[in-house]
Amino acid sequence: MARRRFLVDGYQAVTMRSIAAEAGVDAALISYFFGSKQGLFAAALTLAANPAQVLGAALPGDPETLPERLLRALVTTWDDEEAGAPLRVMARAAAADPSVGRLVREFVQREMVDRVAERIGGRDARHRAGVLTMQLSGVIYSRYVLAVDPAATMPVDELVRLLAPGLRATLRPTGRLPNYPAPRGPGLP
């Protein structure tokens, strides 16, 4: 029931009280089992596709075609109605709620940036993997949250063909490590 409500109404509109009322239970019971709205959200959105597994399946192979594999795997998963719907809700919730955003950010750092960096190797691997992840996140946000055309309606093959050269360039070693200050701002630790 909570999953349906999050998918239909979105993260912002759903409250623990509304879920409790629909279930015919006291809101304290939901708080007891899930702790918070974020806990309920995580439990309700048991993802049909595990993003870490999707990424893991795309990592092996020729390093030169890694960007194509990653982009195709992500977009194909997010395009799938069953697997993609909870991911789209999660992305909208991350943009709307700083605590959900923090959870998603931690996941992206650990499961995407760190794993891609390990795969590509080299002195500035983490930096390059971070920039690649930023670009892929921009595709996801543009296509599924903002629904900006042509990104929102472009066939996967066309999207991959147009974006792969830039993504590939991002993964090439630069030979120097930038020294950026730690980010500061609302919702950042």
N, C-alpha and C. Protein backbone atom coordinates (compact mmCIF):
# COMPACT_ATOMS: atom_id res chain seq x y z
N MET A 1 0.81 -1.17 0.00
CA MET A 1 0.00 0.00 0.00
C MET A 1 0.87 1.26 0.00
N ALA A 2 1.89 1.31 0.85
CA ALA A 2 2.77 2.48 0.90
C ALA A 2 3.48 2.67 -0.44
N ARG A 3 3.92 1.57 -1.04
CA ARG A 3 4.60 1.66 -2.33
C ARG A 3 3.68 2.29 -3.37
N ARG A 4 2.46 1.82 -3.43
CA ARG A 4 1.49 2.37 -4.38
C ARG A 4 1.30 3.86 -4.15
N ARG A 5 1.17 4.25 -2.89
CA ARG A 5 0.97 5.66 -2.56
C ARG A 5 2.18 6.50 -2.98
N PHE A 6 3.38 6.02 -2.71
CA PHE A 6 4.58 6.77 -3.12
C PHE A 6 4.65 6.88 -4.64
N LEU A 7 4.33 5.80 -5.34
CA LEU A 7 4.38 5.82 -6.80
C LEU A 7 3.32 6.74 -7.40
N VAL A 8 2.13 6.74 -6.83
CA VAL A 8 1.03 7.54 -7.36
C VAL A 8 1.12 9.00 -6.92
N ASP A 9 1.32 9.22 -5.61
CA ASP A 9 1.26 10.57 -5.06
C ASP A 9 2.60 11.28 -4.97
N GLY A 10 3.70 10.51 -5.00
CA GLY A 10 5.03 11.10 -4.85
C GLY A 10 5.42 11.19 -3.39
N TYR A 11 6.70 11.33 -3.18
CA TYR A 11 7.26 11.31 -1.83
C TYR A 11 6.72 12.45 -0.97
N GLN A 12 6.68 13.67 -1.52
CA GLN A 12 6.27 14.84 -0.74
C GLN A 12 4.84 14.71 -0.22
N ALA A 13 3.93 14.20 -1.02
CA ALA A 13 2.52 14.19 -0.65
C ALA A 13 2.16 13.10 0.36
N VAL A 14 2.94 12.06 0.42
CA VAL A 14 2.62 10.93 1.31
C VAL A 14 3.11 11.23 2.72
N THR A 15 2.23 10.98 3.69
CA THR A 15 2.62 11.13 5.10
C THR A 15 2.46 9.79 5.79
N MET A 16 3.16 9.64 6.90
CA MET A 16 3.02 8.41 7.67
C MET A 16 1.60 8.28 8.19
N ARG A 17 0.98 9.40 8.55
CA ARG A 17 -0.42 9.37 9.03
C ARG A 17 -1.37 8.89 7.92
N SER A 18 -1.13 9.36 6.69
CA SER A 18 -2.03 8.95 5.60
C SER A 18 -1.90 7.46 5.31
N ILE A 19 -0.68 6.94 5.40
CA ILE A 19 -0.47 5.50 5.20
C ILE A 19 -1.15 4.73 6.33
N ALA A 20 -0.97 5.21 7.56
CA ALA A 20 -1.59 4.54 8.71
C ALA A 20 -3.11 4.55 8.60
N ALA A 21 -3.67 5.67 8.19
CA ALA A 21 -5.12 5.77 8.05
C ALA A 21 -5.63 4.80 6.99
N GLU A 22 -4.95 4.72 5.87
CA GLU A 22 -5.36 3.80 4.81
C GLU A 22 -5.24 2.34 5.25
N ALA A 23 -4.21 2.06 6.05
CA ALA A 23 -4.00 0.70 6.53
C ALA A 23 -4.89 0.36 7.72
N GLY A 24 -5.51 1.39 8.32
CA GLY A 24 -6.36 1.16 9.47
C GLY A 24 -5.59 0.85 10.74
N VAL A 25 -4.39 1.45 10.86
CA VAL A 25 -3.56 1.24 12.05
C VAL A 25 -3.16 2.60 12.61
N ASP A 26 -2.64 2.59 13.81
CA ASP A 26 -2.15 3.80 14.44
C ASP A 26 -0.82 4.20 13.80
N ALA A 27 -0.61 5.50 13.61
CA ALA A 27 0.64 5.98 13.00
C ALA A 27 1.86 5.59 13.84
N ALA A 28 1.67 5.43 15.15
CA ALA A 28 2.78 5.02 16.02
C ALA A 28 3.29 3.64 15.63
N LEU A 29 2.41 2.78 15.15
CA LEU A 29 2.82 1.45 14.73
C LEU A 29 3.76 1.53 13.53
N ILE A 30 3.43 2.39 12.59
CA ILE A 30 4.30 2.57 11.42
C ILE A 30 5.63 3.17 11.86
N SER A 31 5.59 4.14 12.74
CA SER A 31 6.83 4.73 13.27
C SER A 31 7.67 3.68 13.98
N TYR A 32 7.02 2.81 14.73
CA TYR A 32 7.75 1.76 15.47
C TYR A 32 8.51 0.85 14.51
N PHE A 33 7.85 0.42 13.42
CA PHE A 33 8.47 -0.52 12.50
C PHE A 33 9.44 0.13 11.51
N PHE A 34 9.16 1.37 11.11
CA PHE A 34 9.97 1.98 10.05
C PHE A 34 10.80 3.17 10.52
N GLY A 35 10.51 3.70 11.69
CA GLY A 35 11.30 4.77 12.27
C GLY A 35 11.00 6.15 11.74
N SER A 36 10.88 6.29 10.45
CA SER A 36 10.68 7.60 9.84
C SER A 36 10.04 7.42 8.47
N LYS A 37 9.70 8.54 7.87
CA LYS A 37 9.17 8.50 6.51
C LYS A 37 10.22 7.93 5.56
N GLN A 38 11.48 8.27 5.78
CA GLN A 38 12.56 7.75 4.94
C GLN A 38 12.66 6.24 5.06
N GLY A 39 12.50 5.72 6.29
CA GLY A 39 12.54 4.27 6.50
C GLY A 39 11.39 3.57 5.80
N LEU A 40 10.22 4.16 5.90
CA LEU A 40 9.04 3.61 5.22
C LEU A 40 9.25 3.65 3.71
N PHE A 41 9.77 4.77 3.23
CA PHE A 41 10.04 4.93 1.80
C PHE A 41 11.00 3.85 1.30
N ALA A 42 12.09 3.64 2.02
CA ALA A 42 13.07 2.63 1.62
C ALA A 42 12.46 1.24 1.60
N ALA A 43 11.67 0.93 2.62
CA ALA A 43 11.04 -0.39 2.68
C ALA A 43 9.98 -0.55 1.58
N ALA A 44 9.22 0.51 1.34
CA ALA A 44 8.14 0.44 0.35
C ALA A 44 8.68 0.36 -1.06
N LEU A 45 9.81 0.98 -1.30
CA LEU A 45 10.35 1.03 -2.65
C LEU A 45 11.35 -0.07 -2.92
N THR A 46 11.10 -1.23 -2.37
CA THR A 46 11.97 -2.36 -2.68
C THR A 46 12.09 -2.37 -4.20
N LEU A 47 13.27 -2.04 -4.65
CA LEU A 47 13.46 -1.81 -6.07
C LEU A 47 13.43 -3.11 -6.87
N ALA A 48 12.73 -3.08 -7.99
CA ALA A 48 12.66 -4.24 -8.87
C ALA A 48 14.01 -4.49 -9.53
N ALA A 49 14.78 -3.42 -9.70
CA ALA A 49 16.13 -3.53 -10.27
C ALA A 49 17.10 -2.93 -9.27
N ASN A 50 18.09 -3.68 -8.90
CA ASN A 50 19.10 -3.19 -7.98
C ASN A 50 20.13 -2.41 -8.79
N PRO A 51 20.20 -1.08 -8.59
CA PRO A 51 21.14 -0.28 -9.39
C PRO A 51 22.58 -0.76 -9.30
N ALA A 52 22.99 -1.26 -8.15
CA ALA A 52 24.35 -1.76 -8.00
C ALA A 52 24.58 -2.98 -8.89
N GLN A 53 23.59 -3.83 -9.01
CA GLN A 53 23.72 -5.01 -9.87
C GLN A 53 23.72 -4.62 -11.35
N VAL A 54 22.87 -3.63 -11.70
CA VAL A 54 22.84 -3.15 -13.08
C VAL A 54 24.22 -2.60 -13.45
N LEU A 55 24.79 -1.80 -12.58
CA LEU A 55 26.11 -1.25 -12.82
C LEU A 55 27.16 -2.35 -12.87
N GLY A 56 27.10 -3.27 -11.92
CA GLY A 56 28.07 -4.37 -11.86
C GLY A 56 28.07 -5.20 -13.13
N ALA A 57 26.90 -5.41 -13.72
CA ALA A 57 26.81 -6.19 -14.95
C ALA A 57 27.42 -5.44 -16.14
N ALA A 58 27.44 -4.10 -16.08
CA ALA A 58 27.97 -3.31 -17.20
C ALA A 58 29.47 -3.08 -17.09
N LEU A 59 30.07 -3.29 -15.94
CA LEU A 59 31.49 -2.99 -15.75
C LEU A 59 32.46 -3.88 -16.52
N PRO A 60 32.26 -5.21 -16.55
CA PRO A 60 33.22 -6.05 -17.27
C PRO A 60 33.20 -5.77 -18.78
N GLY A 61 34.34 -5.98 -19.41
CA GLY A 61 34.43 -5.80 -20.86
C GLY A 61 35.49 -4.78 -21.22
N ASP A 62 35.51 -4.44 -22.48
CA ASP A 62 36.50 -3.50 -23.03
C ASP A 62 36.34 -2.13 -22.36
N PRO A 63 37.41 -1.60 -21.75
CA PRO A 63 37.30 -0.28 -21.10
C PRO A 63 36.88 0.83 -22.06
N GLU A 64 37.22 0.69 -23.32
CA GLU A 64 36.88 1.73 -24.30
C GLU A 64 35.38 1.86 -24.52
N THR A 65 34.63 0.78 -24.32
CA THR A 65 33.17 0.83 -24.52
C THR A 65 32.40 0.87 -23.20
N LEU A 66 33.11 1.08 -22.10
CA LEU A 66 32.45 1.16 -20.79
C LEU A 66 31.37 2.24 -20.75
N PRO A 67 31.60 3.45 -21.25
CA PRO A 67 30.54 4.46 -21.20
C PRO A 67 29.25 4.03 -21.91
N GLU A 68 29.39 3.40 -23.06
CA GLU A 68 28.21 2.94 -23.78
C GLU A 68 27.45 1.90 -22.95
N ARG A 69 28.19 0.96 -22.38
CA ARG A 69 27.55 -0.09 -21.58
C ARG A 69 26.84 0.49 -20.37
N LEU A 70 27.50 1.42 -19.68
CA LEU A 70 26.89 2.03 -18.49
C LEU A 70 25.63 2.81 -18.86
N LEU A 71 25.74 3.66 -19.86
CA LEU A 71 24.59 4.48 -20.27
C LEU A 71 23.43 3.61 -20.73
N ARG A 72 23.72 2.61 -21.57
CA ARG A 72 22.66 1.72 -22.07
C ARG A 72 22.00 0.96 -20.92
N ALA A 73 22.80 0.45 -19.99
CA ALA A 73 22.24 -0.31 -18.86
C ALA A 73 21.35 0.58 -18.00
N LEU A 74 21.82 1.80 -17.70
CA LEU A 74 21.02 2.70 -16.87
C LEU A 74 19.72 3.10 -17.55
N VAL A 75 19.81 3.56 -18.79
CA VAL A 75 18.61 4.04 -19.48
C VAL A 75 17.63 2.90 -19.74
N THR A 76 18.12 1.74 -20.11
CA THR A 76 17.24 0.60 -20.34
C THR A 76 16.49 0.22 -19.06
N THR A 77 17.20 0.25 -17.94
CA THR A 77 16.56 -0.07 -16.66
C THR A 77 15.54 0.98 -16.28
N TRP A 78 15.91 2.25 -16.39
CA TRP A 78 15.00 3.33 -16.01
C TRP A 78 13.81 3.42 -16.97
N ASP A 79 13.99 3.01 -18.23
CA ASP A 79 12.88 3.01 -19.20
C ASP A 79 11.87 1.91 -18.92
N ASP A 80 12.31 0.81 -18.32
CA ASP A 80 11.44 -0.31 -18.03
C ASP A 80 10.37 0.12 -17.03
N GLU A 81 9.10 -0.11 -17.35
CA GLU A 81 8.02 0.38 -16.50
C GLU A 81 8.07 -0.20 -15.09
N GLU A 82 8.30 -1.48 -14.96
CA GLU A 82 8.31 -2.11 -13.63
C GLU A 82 9.56 -1.73 -12.84
N ALA A 83 10.71 -1.81 -13.46
CA ALA A 83 11.96 -1.52 -12.76
C ALA A 83 12.19 -0.02 -12.60
N GLY A 84 11.75 0.76 -13.57
CA GLY A 84 12.03 2.19 -13.57
C GLY A 84 11.13 3.04 -12.70
N ALA A 85 9.88 2.64 -12.52
CA ALA A 85 8.94 3.47 -11.74
C ALA A 85 9.46 3.78 -10.34
N PRO A 86 9.90 2.78 -9.56
CA PRO A 86 10.42 3.11 -8.23
C PRO A 86 11.69 3.95 -8.28
N LEU A 87 12.51 3.76 -9.30
CA LEU A 87 13.72 4.57 -9.43
C LEU A 87 13.37 6.03 -9.70
N ARG A 88 12.36 6.25 -10.52
CA ARG A 88 11.94 7.62 -10.82
C ARG A 88 11.38 8.30 -9.57
N VAL A 89 10.61 7.57 -8.79
CA VAL A 89 10.09 8.13 -7.54
C VAL A 89 11.24 8.45 -6.60
N MET A 90 12.21 7.56 -6.53
CA MET A 90 13.37 7.78 -5.67
C MET A 90 14.12 9.04 -6.11
N ALA A 91 14.29 9.25 -7.40
CA ALA A 91 15.01 10.43 -7.90
C ALA A 91 14.25 11.71 -7.55
N ARG A 92 12.94 11.70 -7.71
CA ARG A 92 12.14 12.88 -7.35
C ARG A 92 12.20 13.14 -5.85
N ALA A 93 12.14 12.08 -5.07
CA ALA A 93 12.22 12.23 -3.61
C ALA A 93 13.58 12.76 -3.19
N ALA A 94 14.64 12.32 -3.84
CA ALA A 94 15.98 12.79 -3.51
C ALA A 94 16.11 14.28 -3.78
N ALA A 95 15.44 14.76 -4.82
CA ALA A 95 15.48 16.19 -5.14
C ALA A 95 14.65 17.00 -4.16
N ALA A 96 13.62 16.39 -3.60
CA ALA A 96 12.69 17.12 -2.73
C ALA A 96 13.03 17.06 -1.25
N ASP A 97 13.70 16.01 -0.82
CA ASP A 97 13.95 15.83 0.61
C ASP A 97 15.45 15.64 0.84
N PRO A 98 16.08 16.54 1.60
CA PRO A 98 17.53 16.46 1.81
C PRO A 98 17.98 15.13 2.42
N SER A 99 17.19 14.53 3.29
CA SER A 99 17.63 13.27 3.90
C SER A 99 17.59 12.13 2.89
N VAL A 100 16.60 12.12 2.01
CA VAL A 100 16.58 11.11 0.95
C VAL A 100 17.71 11.39 -0.03
N GLY A 101 17.92 12.68 -0.32
CA GLY A 101 19.04 13.06 -1.19
C GLY A 101 20.37 12.57 -0.65
N ARG A 102 20.55 12.68 0.67
CA ARG A 102 21.79 12.21 1.29
C ARG A 102 21.95 10.70 1.11
N LEU A 103 20.84 9.94 1.29
CA LEU A 103 20.90 8.49 1.12
C LEU A 103 21.28 8.13 -0.31
N VAL A 104 20.65 8.79 -1.26
CA VAL A 104 20.93 8.51 -2.67
C VAL A 104 22.37 8.91 -3.00
N ARG A 105 22.80 10.06 -2.49
CA ARG A 105 24.18 10.52 -2.75
C ARG A 105 25.20 9.51 -2.22
N GLU A 106 24.97 9.01 -1.00
CA GLU A 106 25.88 8.02 -0.42
C GLU A 106 25.90 6.75 -1.26
N PHE A 107 24.74 6.34 -1.73
CA PHE A 107 24.67 5.15 -2.58
C PHE A 107 25.45 5.38 -3.88
N VAL A 108 25.23 6.53 -4.52
CA VAL A 108 25.91 6.83 -5.78
C VAL A 108 27.42 6.86 -5.58
N GLN A 109 27.87 7.48 -4.48
CA GLN A 109 29.31 7.52 -4.21
C GLN A 109 29.90 6.12 -4.08
N ARG A 110 29.24 5.31 -3.26
CA ARG A 110 29.78 3.98 -2.95
C ARG A 110 29.61 3.02 -4.12
N GLU A 111 28.43 2.99 -4.71
CA GLU A 111 28.12 1.97 -5.70
C GLU A 111 28.44 2.36 -7.13
N MET A 112 28.55 3.65 -7.41
CA MET A 112 28.88 4.05 -8.78
C MET A 112 30.29 4.61 -8.87
N VAL A 113 30.52 5.72 -8.18
CA VAL A 113 31.82 6.39 -8.32
C VAL A 113 32.95 5.44 -7.92
N ASP A 114 32.86 4.85 -6.73
CA ASP A 114 33.95 4.00 -6.25
C ASP A 114 34.14 2.77 -7.14
N ARG A 115 33.06 2.16 -7.60
CA ARG A 115 33.20 0.95 -8.42
C ARG A 115 33.74 1.27 -9.81
N VAL A 116 33.28 2.37 -10.40
CA VAL A 116 33.81 2.75 -11.72
C VAL A 116 35.29 3.13 -11.58
N ALA A 117 35.63 3.86 -10.52
CA ALA A 117 37.04 4.24 -10.30
C ALA A 117 37.92 3.00 -10.17
N GLU A 118 37.44 2.02 -9.43
CA GLU A 118 38.20 0.78 -9.28
C GLU A 118 38.39 0.10 -10.64
N ARG A 119 37.36 0.14 -11.46
CA ARG A 119 37.40 -0.53 -12.77
C ARG A 119 38.36 0.17 -13.72
N ILE A 120 38.35 1.52 -13.75
CA ILE A 120 39.17 2.23 -14.73
C ILE A 120 40.60 2.42 -14.26
N GLY A 121 40.82 2.49 -12.94
CA GLY A 121 42.16 2.61 -12.39
C GLY A 121 42.86 3.89 -12.79
N GLY A 122 44.05 4.06 -12.27
CA GLY A 122 44.86 5.23 -12.58
C GLY A 122 44.84 6.25 -11.46
N ARG A 123 45.78 7.18 -11.57
CA ARG A 123 45.99 8.15 -10.51
C ARG A 123 44.77 9.02 -10.23
N ASP A 124 44.05 9.45 -11.23
CA ASP A 124 42.88 10.31 -11.03
C ASP A 124 41.57 9.57 -11.32
N ALA A 125 41.56 8.27 -11.09
CA ALA A 125 40.39 7.44 -11.40
C ALA A 125 39.13 7.90 -10.69
N ARG A 126 39.25 8.24 -9.42
CA ARG A 126 38.05 8.63 -8.66
C ARG A 126 37.47 9.94 -9.21
N HIS A 127 38.34 10.85 -9.57
CA HIS A 127 37.89 12.12 -10.16
C HIS A 127 37.15 11.86 -11.48
N ARG A 128 37.76 11.08 -12.35
CA ARG A 128 37.14 10.78 -13.65
C ARG A 128 35.83 10.03 -13.47
N ALA A 129 35.80 9.07 -12.55
CA ALA A 129 34.56 8.32 -12.28
C ALA A 129 33.49 9.24 -11.72
N GLY A 130 33.89 10.20 -10.90
CA GLY A 130 32.93 11.16 -10.35
C GLY A 130 32.32 12.04 -11.43
N VAL A 131 33.14 12.49 -12.37
CA VAL A 131 32.63 13.32 -13.46
C VAL A 131 31.72 12.49 -14.38
N LEU A 132 32.10 11.25 -14.66
CA LEU A 132 31.24 10.38 -15.45
C LEU A 132 29.89 10.19 -14.75
N THR A 133 29.92 9.95 -13.46
CA THR A 133 28.69 9.76 -12.70
C THR A 133 27.84 11.02 -12.73
N MET A 134 28.48 12.18 -12.65
CA MET A 134 27.75 13.44 -12.74
C MET A 134 27.04 13.54 -14.09
N GLN A 135 27.72 13.18 -15.16
CA GLN A 135 27.11 13.23 -16.49
C GLN A 135 25.94 12.25 -16.60
N LEU A 136 26.14 11.03 -16.11
CA LEU A 136 25.06 10.04 -16.16
C LEU A 136 23.87 10.48 -15.31
N SER A 137 24.15 11.07 -14.15
CA SER A 137 23.08 11.58 -13.30
C SER A 137 22.30 12.69 -14.00
N GLY A 138 23.01 13.51 -14.76
CA GLY A 138 22.35 14.56 -15.53
C GLY A 138 21.41 13.99 -16.59
N VAL A 139 21.83 12.91 -17.21
CA VAL A 139 20.97 12.23 -18.19
C VAL A 139 19.71 11.71 -17.49
N ILE A 140 19.91 11.05 -16.36
CA ILE A 140 18.78 10.49 -15.62
C ILE A 140 17.83 11.61 -15.20
N TYR A 141 18.37 12.67 -14.63
CA TYR A 141 17.54 13.77 -14.15
C TYR A 141 16.80 14.44 -15.32
N SER A 142 17.50 14.70 -16.42
CA SER A 142 16.88 15.34 -17.58
C SER A 142 15.80 14.48 -18.22
N ARG A 143 16.07 13.19 -18.31
CA ARG A 143 15.15 12.27 -19.00
C ARG A 143 13.96 11.88 -18.14
N TYR A 144 14.18 11.63 -16.85
CA TYR A 144 13.12 11.02 -16.03
C TYR A 144 12.50 11.94 -14.99
N VAL A 145 13.19 12.96 -14.56
CA VAL A 145 12.61 13.86 -13.56
C VAL A 145 12.05 15.10 -14.25
N LEU A 146 12.88 15.79 -15.03
CA LEU A 146 12.42 16.98 -15.73
C LEU A 146 11.69 16.66 -17.03
N ALA A 147 11.96 15.50 -17.61
CA ALA A 147 11.37 15.07 -18.89
C ALA A 147 11.62 16.09 -19.99
N VAL A 148 12.88 16.52 -20.10
CA VAL A 148 13.29 17.50 -21.10
C VAL A 148 13.47 16.79 -22.44
N ASP A 149 12.81 17.30 -23.47
CA ASP A 149 13.01 16.75 -24.81
C ASP A 149 14.19 17.45 -25.47
N PRO A 150 14.95 16.76 -26.27
CA PRO A 150 14.69 15.43 -26.81
C PRO A 150 15.15 14.28 -25.90
N ALA A 151 15.83 14.58 -24.80
CA ALA A 151 16.36 13.51 -23.95
C ALA A 151 15.27 12.58 -23.45
N ALA A 152 14.09 13.11 -23.13
CA ALA A 152 13.03 12.30 -22.55
C ALA A 152 12.44 11.28 -23.52
N THR A 153 12.48 11.59 -24.80
CA THR A 153 11.82 10.71 -25.77
C THR A 153 12.79 10.07 -26.77
N MET A 154 14.04 10.40 -26.67
CA MET A 154 15.03 9.89 -27.62
C MET A 154 15.22 8.39 -27.44
N PRO A 155 15.26 7.63 -28.54
CA PRO A 155 15.54 6.20 -28.43
C PRO A 155 16.90 5.95 -27.78
N VAL A 156 17.01 4.86 -27.06
CA VAL A 156 18.23 4.54 -26.33
C VAL A 156 19.45 4.53 -27.25
N ASP A 157 19.33 3.89 -28.41
CA ASP A 157 20.48 3.81 -29.32
C ASP A 157 20.97 5.20 -29.74
N GLU A 158 20.06 6.11 -29.98
CA GLU A 158 20.43 7.47 -30.38
C GLU A 158 21.09 8.21 -29.22
N LEU A 159 20.54 8.06 -28.04
CA LEU A 159 21.11 8.68 -26.84
C LEU A 159 22.55 8.19 -26.62
N VAL A 160 22.74 6.89 -26.72
CA VAL A 160 24.07 6.31 -26.55
C VAL A 160 25.02 6.82 -27.63
N ARG A 161 24.57 6.84 -28.87
CA ARG A 161 25.42 7.30 -29.98
C ARG A 161 25.87 8.75 -29.77
N LEU A 162 24.96 9.60 -29.32
CA LEU A 162 25.30 11.02 -29.16
C LEU A 162 26.13 11.32 -27.92
N LEU A 163 25.90 10.60 -26.84
CA LEU A 163 26.58 10.93 -25.58
C LEU A 163 27.87 10.15 -25.33
N ALA A 164 28.02 8.98 -25.94
CA ALA A 164 29.17 8.13 -25.66
C ALA A 164 30.52 8.81 -25.91
N PRO A 165 30.71 9.57 -26.99
CA PRO A 165 32.04 10.18 -27.19
C PRO A 165 32.46 11.10 -26.03
N GLY A 166 31.55 11.90 -25.53
CA GLY A 166 31.87 12.78 -24.41
C GLY A 166 32.12 12.00 -23.13
N LEU A 167 31.32 10.97 -22.91
CA LEU A 167 31.52 10.13 -21.72
C LEU A 167 32.87 9.42 -21.80
N ARG A 168 33.22 8.95 -22.98
CA ARG A 168 34.49 8.26 -23.17
C ARG A 168 35.66 9.21 -22.90
N ALA A 169 35.54 10.46 -23.36
CA ALA A 169 36.59 11.45 -23.13
C ALA A 169 36.76 11.72 -21.63
N THR A 170 35.68 11.69 -20.90
CA THR A 170 35.73 11.90 -19.45
C THR A 170 36.58 10.85 -18.76
N LEU A 171 36.56 9.62 -19.25
CA LEU A 171 37.28 8.54 -18.59
C LEU A 171 38.77 8.47 -18.94
N ARG A 172 39.20 9.26 -19.90
CA ARG A 172 40.62 9.26 -20.25
C ARG A 172 41.43 9.93 -19.15
N PRO A 173 42.55 9.33 -18.76
CA PRO A 173 43.38 9.95 -17.70
C PRO A 173 43.83 11.35 -18.09
N THR A 174 43.80 12.25 -17.12
CA THR A 174 44.20 13.64 -17.38
C THR A 174 45.65 13.89 -17.03
N GLY A 175 46.24 13.05 -16.20
CA GLY A 175 47.62 13.23 -15.81
C GLY A 175 47.82 14.19 -14.66
N ARG A 176 46.76 14.85 -14.22
CA ARG A 176 46.88 15.74 -13.06
C ARG A 176 45.62 15.62 -12.21
N LEU A 177 45.79 15.83 -10.96
CA LEU A 177 44.66 15.75 -10.03
C LEU A 177 44.23 17.15 -9.62
N PRO A 178 42.97 17.48 -9.83
CA PRO A 178 42.48 18.79 -9.38
C PRO A 178 42.36 18.80 -7.86
N ASN A 179 42.40 19.98 -7.29
CA ASN A 179 42.25 20.12 -5.85
C ASN A 179 41.05 21.03 -5.59
N TYR A 180 39.87 20.43 -5.51
CA TYR A 180 38.66 21.19 -5.28
C TYR A 180 38.34 21.22 -3.79
N PRO A 181 37.82 22.35 -3.31
CA PRO A 181 37.42 22.40 -1.90
C PRO A 181 36.20 21.52 -1.68
N ALA A 182 36.01 21.10 -0.43
CA ALA A 182 34.85 20.29 -0.09
C ALA A 182 33.58 21.10 -0.32
N PRO A 183 32.53 20.45 -0.86
CA PRO A 183 31.27 21.17 -1.10
C PRO A 183 30.64 21.62 0.20
N ARG A 184 30.01 22.77 0.17
CA ARG A 184 29.28 23.30 1.31
C ARG A 184 27.91 23.74 0.83
N GLY A 185 26.94 23.61 1.67
CA GLY A 185 25.62 24.10 1.31
C GLY A 185 24.53 23.32 2.00
N PRO A 186 23.28 23.69 1.73
CA PRO A 186 22.14 23.02 2.38
C PRO A 186 22.13 21.53 2.09
N GLY A 187 21.98 20.74 3.11
CA GLY A 187 21.87 19.30 2.97
C GLY A 187 23.18 18.58 2.78
N LEU A 188 24.31 19.32 2.73
CA LEU A 188 25.60 18.66 2.57
C LEU A 188 26.28 18.58 3.92
N PRO A 189 26.94 17.42 4.19
CA PRO A 189 27.58 17.27 5.49
C PRO A 189 28.79 18.16 5.66
